[in-house]
C-alpha cells in the first residue's frame, strides 16, 4: 500500500510538471490564434475601403506638395492670441511625425505674444466622401485649442468665392484646454435657409483615464452622401444625417486643416498656470474611398 502511494504521488508530480511546462506554449498558441483572427477580421473590414491619399510624415521636411503654411496675424480668427507663421520652429517633421508647436514668445500674456502653425491642403488636395483617419497626440493646458478639421474647397479665405459658413466646416476633433484636457469635441457648421450660421452642436468624447496628451489616439470620420459619423479609437461619438437639402454644403469638396490656436473667443485665455511650449504630434493621416463611391 505504501509503495503504491509513493508511485501515485510521483505520477501526480510528473503530470503537474508536464502541465506547467506546456501551459506557456498553449497560451502562446491561443494568443497567436487570437491575433491571427483579429488581423483577419481587420483585413476583412478594410476590404470596403481603398487608400486614396495619405501622409505618413516619413520625410525630412513637411511635404510642400501636400501642405501649405497659412500665415495669419494674431487676432485674425476668433480673437485668438497666436500668430500663424511659416517658421520651421512652429511646424516640422521629427522622428516620422508632424509636430505643430505653440510657443509663448514673451513673459506677457496677450495678443501676439504667441506663435503657432496652421497647415492646410487647400489648392493641393481636396475630396468629397470617404473615410478620414489620423493618429494624433494632442497638447494640453489652459487656453490651448488644437484642431483637426475641414473646410469647403470654395471658401473665400483660400481663393474661393463663398464665405463661411456657406462653405461648410467639419470639425473632426477640437480640444479646449480651458474645459477639459481629457475630452475632445466634434461638430459640423453650415448655413441655414436664411444664410445664417447653424451647427450640429458639439458632441463630446471623454477618456476614462488620463488626458489626450498622454498618448496617441485614432480619430476617424466616415463621410457618405447620407451621413457624417465621428469615431475616437473606434468608438462612435456622433452621427449627422446630411441627406436633406439643408446640408448641401456637405456634398462638395473639402480640404484638410491642422492647427493649434492659443486663446480666443471659445477657448479661454492662457495664464500663469499654462504650460508652454505645447505640441501636437501627428503620426499619419489617411483618406480612404469606399469601393462603392
Protein backbone atom coordinates (compact mmCIF):
# COMPACT_ATOMS: atom_id res chain seq x y z
CA UNK A 1 0.00 0.00 0.00
CA UNK A 2 2.79 2.43 0.89
CA UNK A 3 4.64 1.56 -2.35
CA UNK A 4 1.53 2.28 -4.46
CA UNK A 5 1.03 5.58 -2.61
CA UNK A 6 4.59 6.66 -3.42
CA UNK A 7 4.18 5.71 -7.10
CA UNK A 8 0.86 7.60 -7.32
CA UNK A 9 2.42 10.71 -5.75
CA UNK A 10 5.36 10.60 -8.16
CA UNK A 11 2.96 10.19 -11.10
CA UNK A 12 0.94 13.22 -9.99
CA UNK A 13 4.11 15.30 -9.66
CA UNK A 14 5.15 14.29 -13.20
CA UNK A 15 1.74 15.28 -14.60
CA UNK A 16 1.88 18.62 -12.78
CA UNK A 17 5.38 19.36 -14.11
CA UNK A 18 4.29 18.42 -17.63
CA UNK A 19 1.26 20.69 -17.37
CA UNK A 20 3.34 23.62 -16.10
CA UNK A 21 5.79 23.09 -18.98
CA UNK A 22 3.12 23.00 -21.66
CA UNK A 23 0.94 25.82 -20.30
CA UNK A 24 3.05 28.73 -21.72
CA UNK A 25 3.09 27.03 -25.12
CA UNK A 26 -0.68 26.56 -25.01
CA UNK A 27 -1.12 30.24 -24.05
CA UNK A 28 1.20 31.35 -26.85
CA UNK A 29 -0.75 29.25 -29.34
CA UNK A 30 -4.02 30.74 -28.07
CA UNK A 31 -2.66 34.29 -28.36
CA UNK A 32 -1.34 33.55 -31.84
CA UNK A 33 -4.73 32.24 -32.91
CA UNK A 34 -6.44 35.28 -31.41
CA UNK A 35 -4.02 37.68 -33.12
CA UNK A 36 -4.48 35.97 -36.46
CA UNK A 37 -8.23 36.17 -36.03
CA UNK A 38 -8.06 39.87 -35.21
CA UNK A 39 -5.81 40.55 -38.17
CA UNK A 40 -8.07 38.59 -40.47
CA UNK A 41 -11.14 40.49 -39.27
CA UNK A 42 -9.35 43.82 -39.74
CA UNK A 43 -8.42 42.92 -43.28
CA UNK A 44 -11.97 41.82 -43.97
CA UNK A 45 -13.38 45.07 -42.58
CA UNK A 46 -10.94 47.12 -44.67
CA UNK A 47 -11.85 45.43 -47.95
CA UNK A 48 -14.55 48.07 -48.45
CA UNK A 49 -12.04 50.94 -48.18
CA UNK A 50 -9.29 51.78 -50.65
CA UNK A 51 -6.50 54.19 -49.74
CA UNK A 52 -6.93 57.41 -51.74
CA UNK A 53 -4.43 59.84 -50.17
CA UNK A 54 -2.09 59.80 -47.19
CA UNK A 55 0.79 61.48 -45.46
CA UNK A 56 2.93 59.26 -43.23
CA UNK A 57 5.30 62.17 -42.43
CA UNK A 58 8.33 59.98 -43.08
CA UNK A 59 10.40 62.58 -44.94
CA UNK A 60 12.87 65.09 -43.55
CA UNK A 61 10.59 68.09 -44.13
CA UNK A 62 6.90 68.86 -44.40
CA UNK A 63 5.76 67.91 -47.91
CA UNK A 64 5.06 71.23 -49.66
CA UNK A 65 3.19 69.42 -52.46
CA UNK A 66 0.57 68.46 -49.87
CA UNK A 67 0.60 71.21 -47.24
CA UNK A 68 0.60 75.00 -47.13
CA UNK A 69 1.61 77.10 -44.11
CA UNK A 70 -1.28 79.53 -43.69
CA UNK A 71 0.27 82.74 -42.35
CA UNK A 72 -2.12 84.94 -40.38
CA UNK A 73 -1.66 87.77 -37.86
CA UNK A 74 -2.74 87.44 -34.24
CA UNK A 75 -6.44 88.14 -33.78
CA UNK A 76 -7.34 87.12 -37.35
CA UNK A 77 -9.72 84.38 -36.15
CA UNK A 78 -11.96 84.33 -33.07
CA UNK A 79 -9.80 86.92 -31.25
CA UNK A 80 -7.07 84.30 -30.86
CA UNK A 81 -3.76 85.44 -29.42
CA UNK A 82 -1.32 83.49 -31.61
CA UNK A 83 0.10 84.48 -34.97
CA UNK A 84 0.39 81.70 -37.54
CA UNK A 85 3.85 81.56 -39.10
CA UNK A 86 5.67 79.65 -41.81
CA UNK A 87 8.62 79.07 -39.48
CA UNK A 88 10.14 75.62 -39.06
CA UNK A 89 10.16 76.27 -35.31
CA UNK A 90 6.35 76.11 -35.33
CA UNK A 91 5.86 73.10 -37.63
CA UNK A 92 8.37 70.44 -38.61
CA UNK A 93 8.98 66.70 -39.01
CA UNK A 94 10.58 64.82 -36.15
CA UNK A 95 11.03 61.05 -35.88
CA UNK A 96 8.42 60.31 -38.55
CA UNK A 97 5.80 62.63 -37.10
CA UNK A 98 4.45 66.06 -37.95
CA UNK A 99 4.92 68.39 -34.98
CA UNK A 100 2.96 71.62 -34.59
CA UNK A 101 4.44 73.73 -31.79
CA UNK A 102 2.76 76.64 -30.00
CA UNK A 103 5.33 78.93 -28.39
CA UNK A 104 4.96 81.66 -25.77
CA UNK A 105 7.28 84.31 -27.20
CA UNK A 106 7.45 86.67 -24.20
CA UNK A 107 6.79 86.93 -20.48
CA UNK A 108 3.42 88.56 -21.10
CA UNK A 109 0.03 87.03 -21.80
CA UNK A 110 -1.88 88.78 -24.54
CA UNK A 111 -2.41 89.37 -28.25
CA UNK A 112 0.58 88.48 -30.45
CA UNK A 113 2.60 87.04 -27.58
CA UNK A 114 2.41 83.53 -29.06
CA UNK A 115 3.35 81.86 -32.32
CA UNK A 116 1.95 78.67 -33.82
CA UNK A 117 1.23 76.98 -37.17
CA UNK A 118 -1.85 76.34 -39.24
CA UNK A 119 -1.39 73.89 -42.12
CA UNK A 120 -3.92 73.17 -44.86
CA UNK A 121 -4.20 71.28 -48.13
CA UNK A 122 -6.21 73.99 -49.95
CA UNK A 123 -5.39 74.09 -53.67
CA UNK A 124 -3.32 70.91 -53.33
CA UNK A 125 -5.74 68.26 -52.17
CA UNK A 126 -9.48 68.19 -51.62
CA UNK A 127 -12.07 65.43 -51.83
CA UNK A 128 -15.72 64.50 -51.36
CA UNK A 129 -16.87 61.50 -49.31
CA UNK A 130 -14.67 58.84 -47.80
CA UNK A 131 -13.07 57.88 -44.51
CA UNK A 132 -10.64 60.29 -42.87
CA UNK A 133 -8.35 58.70 -40.30
CA UNK A 134 -5.50 60.21 -38.27
CA UNK A 135 -3.33 59.14 -35.34
CA UNK A 136 -2.66 62.19 -33.17
CA UNK A 137 -1.29 63.08 -29.74
CA UNK A 138 -2.79 66.37 -28.56
CA UNK A 139 -1.46 69.27 -26.45
CA UNK A 140 -2.99 70.37 -23.14
CA UNK A 141 -3.16 73.36 -20.80
CA UNK A 142 -5.30 76.39 -20.10
CA UNK A 143 -6.11 78.38 -23.26
CA UNK A 144 -4.90 75.73 -25.74
CA UNK A 145 -7.17 74.91 -28.70
CA UNK A 146 -5.86 72.26 -31.16
CA UNK A 147 -7.96 71.09 -34.08
CA UNK A 148 -8.03 68.65 -36.99
CA UNK A 149 -10.79 69.79 -39.32
CA UNK A 150 -12.03 70.51 -42.85
CA UNK A 151 -13.40 73.48 -44.79
CA UNK A 152 -15.31 73.64 -48.05
CA UNK A 153 -12.99 73.96 -51.03
CA UNK A 154 -14.91 77.05 -52.20
CA UNK A 155 -14.24 79.21 -49.10
CA UNK A 156 -13.16 82.76 -49.99
CA UNK A 157 -10.42 82.62 -47.32
CA UNK A 158 -8.37 80.35 -49.59
CA UNK A 159 -9.20 81.69 -53.04
CA UNK A 160 -12.82 80.58 -53.43
CA UNK A 161 -15.95 82.69 -53.80
CA UNK A 162 -18.04 81.50 -50.84
CA UNK A 163 -17.90 82.95 -47.31
CA UNK A 164 -18.12 80.94 -44.10
CA UNK A 165 -20.44 79.27 -43.07
CA UNK A 166 -21.95 78.74 -46.54
CA UNK A 167 -18.83 76.78 -47.48
CA UNK A 168 -19.35 74.31 -44.61
CA UNK A 169 -16.99 73.20 -41.86
CA UNK A 170 -16.43 69.74 -40.37
CA UNK A 171 -14.55 69.50 -37.08
CA UNK A 172 -13.04 66.02 -36.82
CA UNK A 173 -11.65 66.97 -33.42
CA UNK A 174 -11.22 70.01 -31.21
CA UNK A 175 -9.82 70.12 -27.68
CA UNK A 176 -10.40 73.04 -25.35
CA UNK A 177 -7.73 73.05 -22.65
CA UNK A 178 -9.77 75.50 -20.59
CA UNK A 179 -12.61 72.97 -20.45
CA UNK A 180 -11.11 69.51 -20.14
CA UNK A 181 -7.82 68.06 -21.40
CA UNK A 182 -9.41 64.60 -21.30
CA UNK A 183 -12.25 65.47 -23.70
CA UNK A 184 -12.48 66.24 -27.41
CA UNK A 185 -15.43 67.66 -29.31
CA UNK A 186 -16.75 67.09 -32.84
CA UNK A 187 -19.06 69.35 -34.80
CA UNK A 188 -20.34 70.45 -38.21
CA UNK A 189 -21.13 74.04 -39.24
CA UNK A 190 -23.27 75.20 -42.16
CA UNK A 191 -25.69 77.92 -43.25
CA UNK A 192 -29.44 77.68 -42.74
CA UNK A 193 -32.03 78.66 -45.34
CA UNK A 194 -31.53 82.33 -44.38
CA UNK A 195 -27.77 82.12 -44.87
CA UNK A 196 -27.14 82.33 -41.12
CA UNK A 197 -24.81 80.11 -39.14
CA UNK A 198 -26.18 76.80 -37.93
CA UNK A 199 -24.46 73.76 -36.47
CA UNK A 200 -24.95 70.18 -35.39
CA UNK A 201 -23.98 71.27 -31.83
CA UNK A 202 -20.76 69.89 -30.41
CA UNK A 203 -20.66 66.29 -29.19
CA UNK A 204 -18.01 65.33 -26.67
CA UNK A 205 -15.91 62.21 -26.08
CA UNK A 206 -14.12 61.89 -22.73
CA UNK A 207 -11.35 59.45 -21.88
CA UNK A 208 -12.00 57.13 -18.95
CA UNK A 209 -8.40 57.58 -17.78
CA UNK A 210 -5.73 60.19 -18.40
CA UNK A 211 -5.74 63.04 -20.92
CA UNK A 212 -5.24 63.22 -24.69
CA UNK A 213 -1.68 64.50 -24.20
CA UNK A 214 -0.66 61.21 -22.59
CA UNK A 215 -0.70 59.11 -25.75
CA UNK A 216 -1.73 58.86 -29.39
CA UNK A 217 -5.36 58.26 -30.33
CA UNK A 218 -7.03 57.50 -33.65
CA UNK A 219 -9.68 59.93 -34.89
CA UNK A 220 -11.95 58.88 -37.76
CA UNK A 221 -14.69 60.50 -39.79
CA UNK A 222 -16.83 58.47 -42.19
CA UNK A 223 -18.43 60.76 -44.76
CA UNK A 224 -21.04 59.48 -47.19
CA UNK A 225 -23.91 61.10 -49.12
CA UNK A 226 -26.15 60.12 -46.20
CA UNK A 227 -24.12 60.60 -43.03
CA UNK A 228 -21.21 62.13 -41.17
CA UNK A 229 -20.06 59.70 -38.46
CA UNK A 230 -17.29 60.52 -35.98
CA UNK A 231 -15.17 57.99 -34.07
CA UNK A 232 -12.43 58.12 -31.41
CA UNK A 233 -10.40 54.92 -31.04
CA UNK A 234 -13.18 53.06 -32.82
CA UNK A 235 -15.94 54.39 -30.54
CA UNK A 236 -18.74 56.25 -32.29
CA UNK A 237 -19.06 59.78 -30.93
CA UNK A 238 -21.70 61.38 -33.15
CA UNK A 239 -23.74 60.86 -36.30
CA UNK A 240 -25.37 63.50 -38.50
CA UNK A 241 -27.85 62.75 -41.27
CA UNK A 242 -26.88 65.05 -44.17
CA UNK A 243 -29.24 63.62 -46.78
CA UNK A 244 -31.63 66.60 -46.79
CA UNK A 245 -31.16 69.79 -48.84
CA UNK A 246 -30.43 71.71 -45.63
CA UNK A 247 -26.95 70.19 -45.65
CA UNK A 248 -25.97 70.79 -49.28
CA UNK A 249 -22.58 72.23 -48.16
CA UNK A 250 -21.51 68.71 -47.21
CA UNK A 251 -21.86 67.40 -50.75
CA UNK A 252 -18.95 69.39 -52.15
CA UNK A 253 -15.18 69.01 -51.93
CA UNK A 254 -13.40 69.81 -48.66
CA UNK A 255 -9.73 70.28 -47.74
CA UNK A 256 -7.86 69.42 -44.52
CA UNK A 257 -6.51 71.67 -41.76
CA UNK A 258 -4.34 71.16 -38.68
CA UNK A 259 -3.53 73.86 -36.12
CA UNK A 260 -3.02 74.88 -32.51
CA UNK A 261 -4.79 78.08 -31.56
CA UNK A 262 -4.00 79.93 -28.33
CA UNK A 263 -6.81 81.70 -26.55
CA UNK A 264 -9.80 83.05 -28.42
CA UNK A 265 -13.48 83.65 -28.00
CA UNK A 266 -14.27 79.98 -27.41
CA UNK A 267 -11.04 78.63 -25.93
CA UNK A 268 -10.43 80.76 -22.86
CA UNK A 269 -7.11 82.51 -22.24
CA UNK A 270 -3.74 81.16 -21.20
CA UNK A 271 -2.42 82.42 -17.87
CA UNK A 272 0.34 81.78 -15.32
CA UNK A 273 -0.90 78.20 -14.91
CA UNK A 274 -0.46 77.43 -18.61
CA UNK A 275 2.46 75.34 -19.81
CA UNK A 276 4.48 76.24 -22.92
CA UNK A 277 5.59 75.25 -25.43
CA UNK A 278 2.75 72.92 -26.44
CA UNK A 279 2.96 70.25 -29.13
CA UNK A 280 0.55 68.45 -31.41
CA UNK A 281 2.05 65.24 -32.83
CA UNK A 282 0.56 63.69 -35.97
CA UNK A 283 1.77 60.18 -36.78
CA UNK A 284 -0.20 59.81 -40.01
CA UNK A 285 -3.28 60.95 -41.92
CA UNK A 286 -5.05 58.62 -44.36
CA UNK A 287 -8.00 59.20 -46.65
CA UNK A 288 -9.91 56.19 -47.93
CA UNK A 289 -12.58 55.92 -50.61
CA UNK A 290 -15.41 53.46 -50.27
CA UNK A 291 -15.36 50.89 -53.03
CA UNK A 292 -18.96 51.76 -53.95
CA UNK A 293 -18.16 55.51 -54.39
